[in-house]
Amino acid sequence: MALWRISVKSSGTVNGIRLEKGMFVEMPTPVSMSDPLRSNVSENKPKINNLFVSKYGVDLLKAGLISTSHLESEKIS
């Protein structure tokens, strides 16, 4: 099991969704080296979105912002 920090790279508004640089969520993955933004992306997008909706009330799927262009991931444990 690994824990990943997924954070917003830069501030901006896309499709009415306002993001601030530094907003982040933490996401556990069952495989220690599986970066949630680069592996099983179709499975991980809804999970990542739910974490951002729960914490910040922003729907990243609606704005099409769940990608390595807008988010970065870092393994924290």
N, C-alpha and C. Protein backbone atom coordinates (compact mmCIF):
# COMPACT_ATOMS: atom_id res chain seq x y z
N MET A 1 0.85 -1.18 0.00
CA MET A 1 0.00 0.00 0.00
C MET A 1 0.89 1.23 0.00
N ALA A 2 0.46 2.24 -0.75
CA ALA A 2 1.18 3.50 -0.82
C ALA A 2 0.19 4.65 -0.67
N LEU A 3 0.70 5.78 -0.21
CA LEU A 3 -0.12 6.97 -0.08
C LEU A 3 0.46 8.04 -0.99
N TRP A 4 -0.40 8.64 -1.81
CA TRP A 4 0.01 9.64 -2.80
C TRP A 4 -0.65 10.97 -2.48
N ARG A 5 0.09 12.05 -2.67
CA ARG A 5 -0.46 13.40 -2.57
C ARG A 5 -0.65 13.90 -3.99
N ILE A 6 -1.88 14.25 -4.32
CA ILE A 6 -2.21 14.76 -5.65
C ILE A 6 -2.55 16.23 -5.47
N SER A 7 -1.77 17.09 -6.13
CA SER A 7 -1.95 18.53 -5.91
C SER A 7 -2.08 19.29 -7.23
N VAL A 8 -2.69 20.45 -7.12
CA VAL A 8 -2.93 21.33 -8.27
C VAL A 8 -1.63 22.06 -8.59
N LYS A 9 -1.25 22.06 -9.87
CA LYS A 9 0.00 22.70 -10.31
C LYS A 9 -0.06 24.21 -10.35
N SER A 10 -1.18 24.77 -10.83
CA SER A 10 -1.26 26.22 -10.94
C SER A 10 -2.69 26.70 -10.76
N SER A 11 -2.83 27.94 -10.35
CA SER A 11 -4.15 28.54 -10.12
C SER A 11 -4.81 28.88 -11.45
N GLY A 12 -6.13 28.86 -11.45
CA GLY A 12 -6.86 29.25 -12.64
C GLY A 12 -8.32 28.83 -12.56
N THR A 13 -9.10 29.27 -13.54
CA THR A 13 -10.51 28.91 -13.65
C THR A 13 -10.72 28.25 -15.01
N VAL A 14 -11.29 27.05 -14.99
CA VAL A 14 -11.58 26.31 -16.22
C VAL A 14 -13.01 25.82 -16.14
N ASN A 15 -13.81 26.13 -17.15
CA ASN A 15 -15.23 25.73 -17.19
C ASN A 15 -15.95 26.07 -15.89
N GLY A 16 -15.63 27.22 -15.33
CA GLY A 16 -16.30 27.67 -14.11
C GLY A 16 -15.77 27.06 -12.82
N ILE A 17 -14.75 26.24 -12.92
CA ILE A 17 -14.16 25.60 -11.74
C ILE A 17 -12.89 26.36 -11.37
N ARG A 18 -12.86 26.91 -10.17
CA ARG A 18 -11.70 27.68 -9.70
C ARG A 18 -10.77 26.77 -8.90
N LEU A 19 -9.50 26.75 -9.31
CA LEU A 19 -8.49 25.98 -8.60
C LEU A 19 -7.39 26.91 -8.12
N GLU A 20 -6.84 26.59 -6.98
CA GLU A 20 -5.71 27.34 -6.44
C GLU A 20 -4.51 26.41 -6.35
N LYS A 21 -3.37 26.91 -6.75
CA LYS A 21 -2.14 26.14 -6.65
C LYS A 21 -1.96 25.69 -5.20
N GLY A 22 -1.62 24.43 -5.03
CA GLY A 22 -1.39 23.90 -3.69
C GLY A 22 -2.57 23.13 -3.12
N MET A 23 -3.75 23.25 -3.71
CA MET A 23 -4.86 22.41 -3.26
C MET A 23 -4.42 20.96 -3.45
N PHE A 24 -4.72 20.11 -2.47
CA PHE A 24 -4.27 18.73 -2.60
C PHE A 24 -5.22 17.77 -1.90
N VAL A 25 -5.13 16.53 -2.31
CA VAL A 25 -5.81 15.43 -1.63
C VAL A 25 -4.80 14.30 -1.48
N GLU A 26 -5.08 13.40 -0.56
CA GLU A 26 -4.23 12.23 -0.38
C GLU A 26 -5.02 10.99 -0.77
N MET A 27 -4.37 10.12 -1.54
CA MET A 27 -5.04 8.95 -2.09
C MET A 27 -4.19 7.70 -1.86
N PRO A 28 -4.74 6.70 -1.19
CA PRO A 28 -4.01 5.44 -1.05
C PRO A 28 -4.17 4.59 -2.30
N THR A 29 -3.14 3.84 -2.63
CA THR A 29 -3.21 2.88 -3.73
C THR A 29 -2.74 1.53 -3.21
N PRO A 30 -3.30 0.45 -3.74
CA PRO A 30 -2.94 -0.89 -3.25
C PRO A 30 -1.54 -1.34 -3.65
N VAL A 31 -1.02 -0.81 -4.74
CA VAL A 31 0.31 -1.21 -5.22
C VAL A 31 1.26 -0.05 -4.95
N SER A 32 2.39 -0.34 -4.34
CA SER A 32 3.28 0.72 -3.86
C SER A 32 3.80 1.65 -4.94
N MET A 33 3.97 1.18 -6.15
CA MET A 33 4.54 2.04 -7.19
C MET A 33 3.52 2.53 -8.23
N SER A 34 2.25 2.34 -8.00
CA SER A 34 1.27 2.72 -9.00
C SER A 34 0.80 4.16 -8.81
N ASP A 35 1.38 5.07 -9.56
CA ASP A 35 1.02 6.48 -9.53
C ASP A 35 -0.42 6.62 -10.05
N PRO A 36 -1.32 7.14 -9.25
CA PRO A 36 -2.74 7.21 -9.65
C PRO A 36 -3.02 8.10 -10.85
N LEU A 37 -2.10 9.02 -11.19
CA LEU A 37 -2.29 9.86 -12.37
C LEU A 37 -1.72 9.23 -13.64
N ARG A 38 -0.96 8.15 -13.49
CA ARG A 38 -0.30 7.54 -14.65
C ARG A 38 -0.67 6.07 -14.87
N SER A 39 -1.29 5.43 -13.91
CA SER A 39 -1.69 4.04 -14.10
C SER A 39 -3.15 3.88 -13.70
N ASN A 40 -3.86 3.02 -14.40
CA ASN A 40 -5.29 2.81 -14.16
C ASN A 40 -6.05 4.13 -14.15
N VAL A 41 -5.71 5.00 -15.07
CA VAL A 41 -6.26 6.36 -15.06
C VAL A 41 -7.78 6.36 -15.14
N SER A 42 -8.36 5.53 -16.00
CA SER A 42 -9.82 5.53 -16.13
C SER A 42 -10.49 5.10 -14.83
N GLU A 43 -9.84 4.24 -14.08
CA GLU A 43 -10.38 3.79 -12.79
C GLU A 43 -10.12 4.83 -11.69
N ASN A 44 -9.00 5.52 -11.77
CA ASN A 44 -8.61 6.45 -10.71
C ASN A 44 -9.24 7.83 -10.83
N LYS A 45 -9.62 8.25 -12.04
CA LYS A 45 -10.20 9.59 -12.21
C LYS A 45 -11.41 9.83 -11.31
N PRO A 46 -12.39 8.92 -11.28
CA PRO A 46 -13.54 9.17 -10.40
C PRO A 46 -13.15 9.20 -8.92
N LYS A 47 -12.17 8.40 -8.53
CA LYS A 47 -11.72 8.38 -7.14
C LYS A 47 -11.06 9.70 -6.77
N ILE A 48 -10.19 10.18 -7.66
CA ILE A 48 -9.52 11.46 -7.44
C ILE A 48 -10.56 12.57 -7.38
N ASN A 49 -11.51 12.55 -8.30
CA ASN A 49 -12.56 13.56 -8.33
C ASN A 49 -13.36 13.56 -7.02
N ASN A 50 -13.73 12.38 -6.55
CA ASN A 50 -14.50 12.30 -5.30
C ASN A 50 -13.73 12.90 -4.13
N LEU A 51 -12.42 12.70 -4.10
CA LEU A 51 -11.61 13.28 -3.03
C LEU A 51 -11.62 14.81 -3.09
N PHE A 52 -11.50 15.38 -4.30
CA PHE A 52 -11.55 16.84 -4.44
C PHE A 52 -12.94 17.39 -4.15
N VAL A 53 -13.99 16.68 -4.56
CA VAL A 53 -15.35 17.13 -4.27
C VAL A 53 -15.59 17.12 -2.76
N SER A 54 -15.15 16.05 -2.09
CA SER A 54 -15.35 15.95 -0.64
C SER A 54 -14.60 17.03 0.13
N LYS A 55 -13.38 17.31 -0.29
CA LYS A 55 -12.55 18.26 0.45
C LYS A 55 -12.81 19.72 0.08
N TYR A 56 -12.97 19.99 -1.22
CA TYR A 56 -13.06 21.38 -1.68
C TYR A 56 -14.39 21.74 -2.36
N GLY A 57 -15.19 20.74 -2.70
CA GLY A 57 -16.44 21.01 -3.40
C GLY A 57 -16.25 21.35 -4.86
N VAL A 58 -15.12 20.95 -5.46
CA VAL A 58 -14.87 21.23 -6.88
C VAL A 58 -14.90 19.93 -7.67
N ASP A 59 -15.58 19.97 -8.80
CA ASP A 59 -15.74 18.80 -9.67
C ASP A 59 -14.72 18.89 -10.80
N LEU A 60 -13.60 18.21 -10.64
CA LEU A 60 -12.54 18.26 -11.64
C LEU A 60 -12.90 17.51 -12.91
N LEU A 61 -13.74 16.49 -12.80
CA LEU A 61 -14.16 15.75 -14.00
C LEU A 61 -14.97 16.65 -14.92
N LYS A 62 -15.84 17.45 -14.34
CA LYS A 62 -16.68 18.37 -15.12
C LYS A 62 -15.82 19.31 -15.95
N ALA A 63 -14.71 19.76 -15.37
CA ALA A 63 -13.83 20.70 -16.05
C ALA A 63 -12.75 20.02 -16.88
N GLY A 64 -12.67 18.69 -16.79
CA GLY A 64 -11.65 17.96 -17.54
C GLY A 64 -10.24 18.23 -17.03
N LEU A 65 -10.10 18.36 -15.72
CA LEU A 65 -8.82 18.76 -15.14
C LEU A 65 -8.03 17.62 -14.49
N ILE A 66 -8.50 16.41 -14.59
CA ILE A 66 -7.75 15.31 -13.99
C ILE A 66 -6.77 14.76 -15.02
N SER A 67 -5.60 15.38 -15.03
CA SER A 67 -4.52 14.97 -15.94
C SER A 67 -3.20 15.47 -15.39
N THR A 68 -2.13 14.96 -15.95
CA THR A 68 -0.80 15.40 -15.51
C THR A 68 -0.50 16.82 -15.95
N SER A 69 -1.32 17.37 -16.84
CA SER A 69 -1.17 18.77 -17.24
C SER A 69 -1.55 19.73 -16.12
N HIS A 70 -2.54 19.33 -15.32
CA HIS A 70 -3.07 20.21 -14.27
C HIS A 70 -2.75 19.74 -12.85
N LEU A 71 -2.47 18.45 -12.71
CA LEU A 71 -2.22 17.89 -11.38
C LEU A 71 -0.86 17.21 -11.34
N GLU A 72 -0.28 17.15 -10.15
CA GLU A 72 0.97 16.40 -9.99
C GLU A 72 0.79 15.46 -8.81
N SER A 73 1.52 14.36 -8.84
CA SER A 73 1.42 13.37 -7.77
C SER A 73 2.79 13.14 -7.16
N GLU A 74 2.75 12.86 -5.88
CA GLU A 74 3.98 12.61 -5.14
C GLU A 74 3.70 11.49 -4.14
N LYS A 75 4.55 10.49 -4.13
CA LYS A 75 4.41 9.39 -3.18
C LYS A 75 4.90 9.89 -1.83
N ILE A 76 4.03 9.80 -0.81
CA ILE A 76 4.41 10.30 0.51
C ILE A 76 4.64 9.19 1.53
N SER A 77 4.24 7.97 1.21
CA SER A 77 4.59 6.83 2.07
C SER A 77 4.31 5.53 1.35
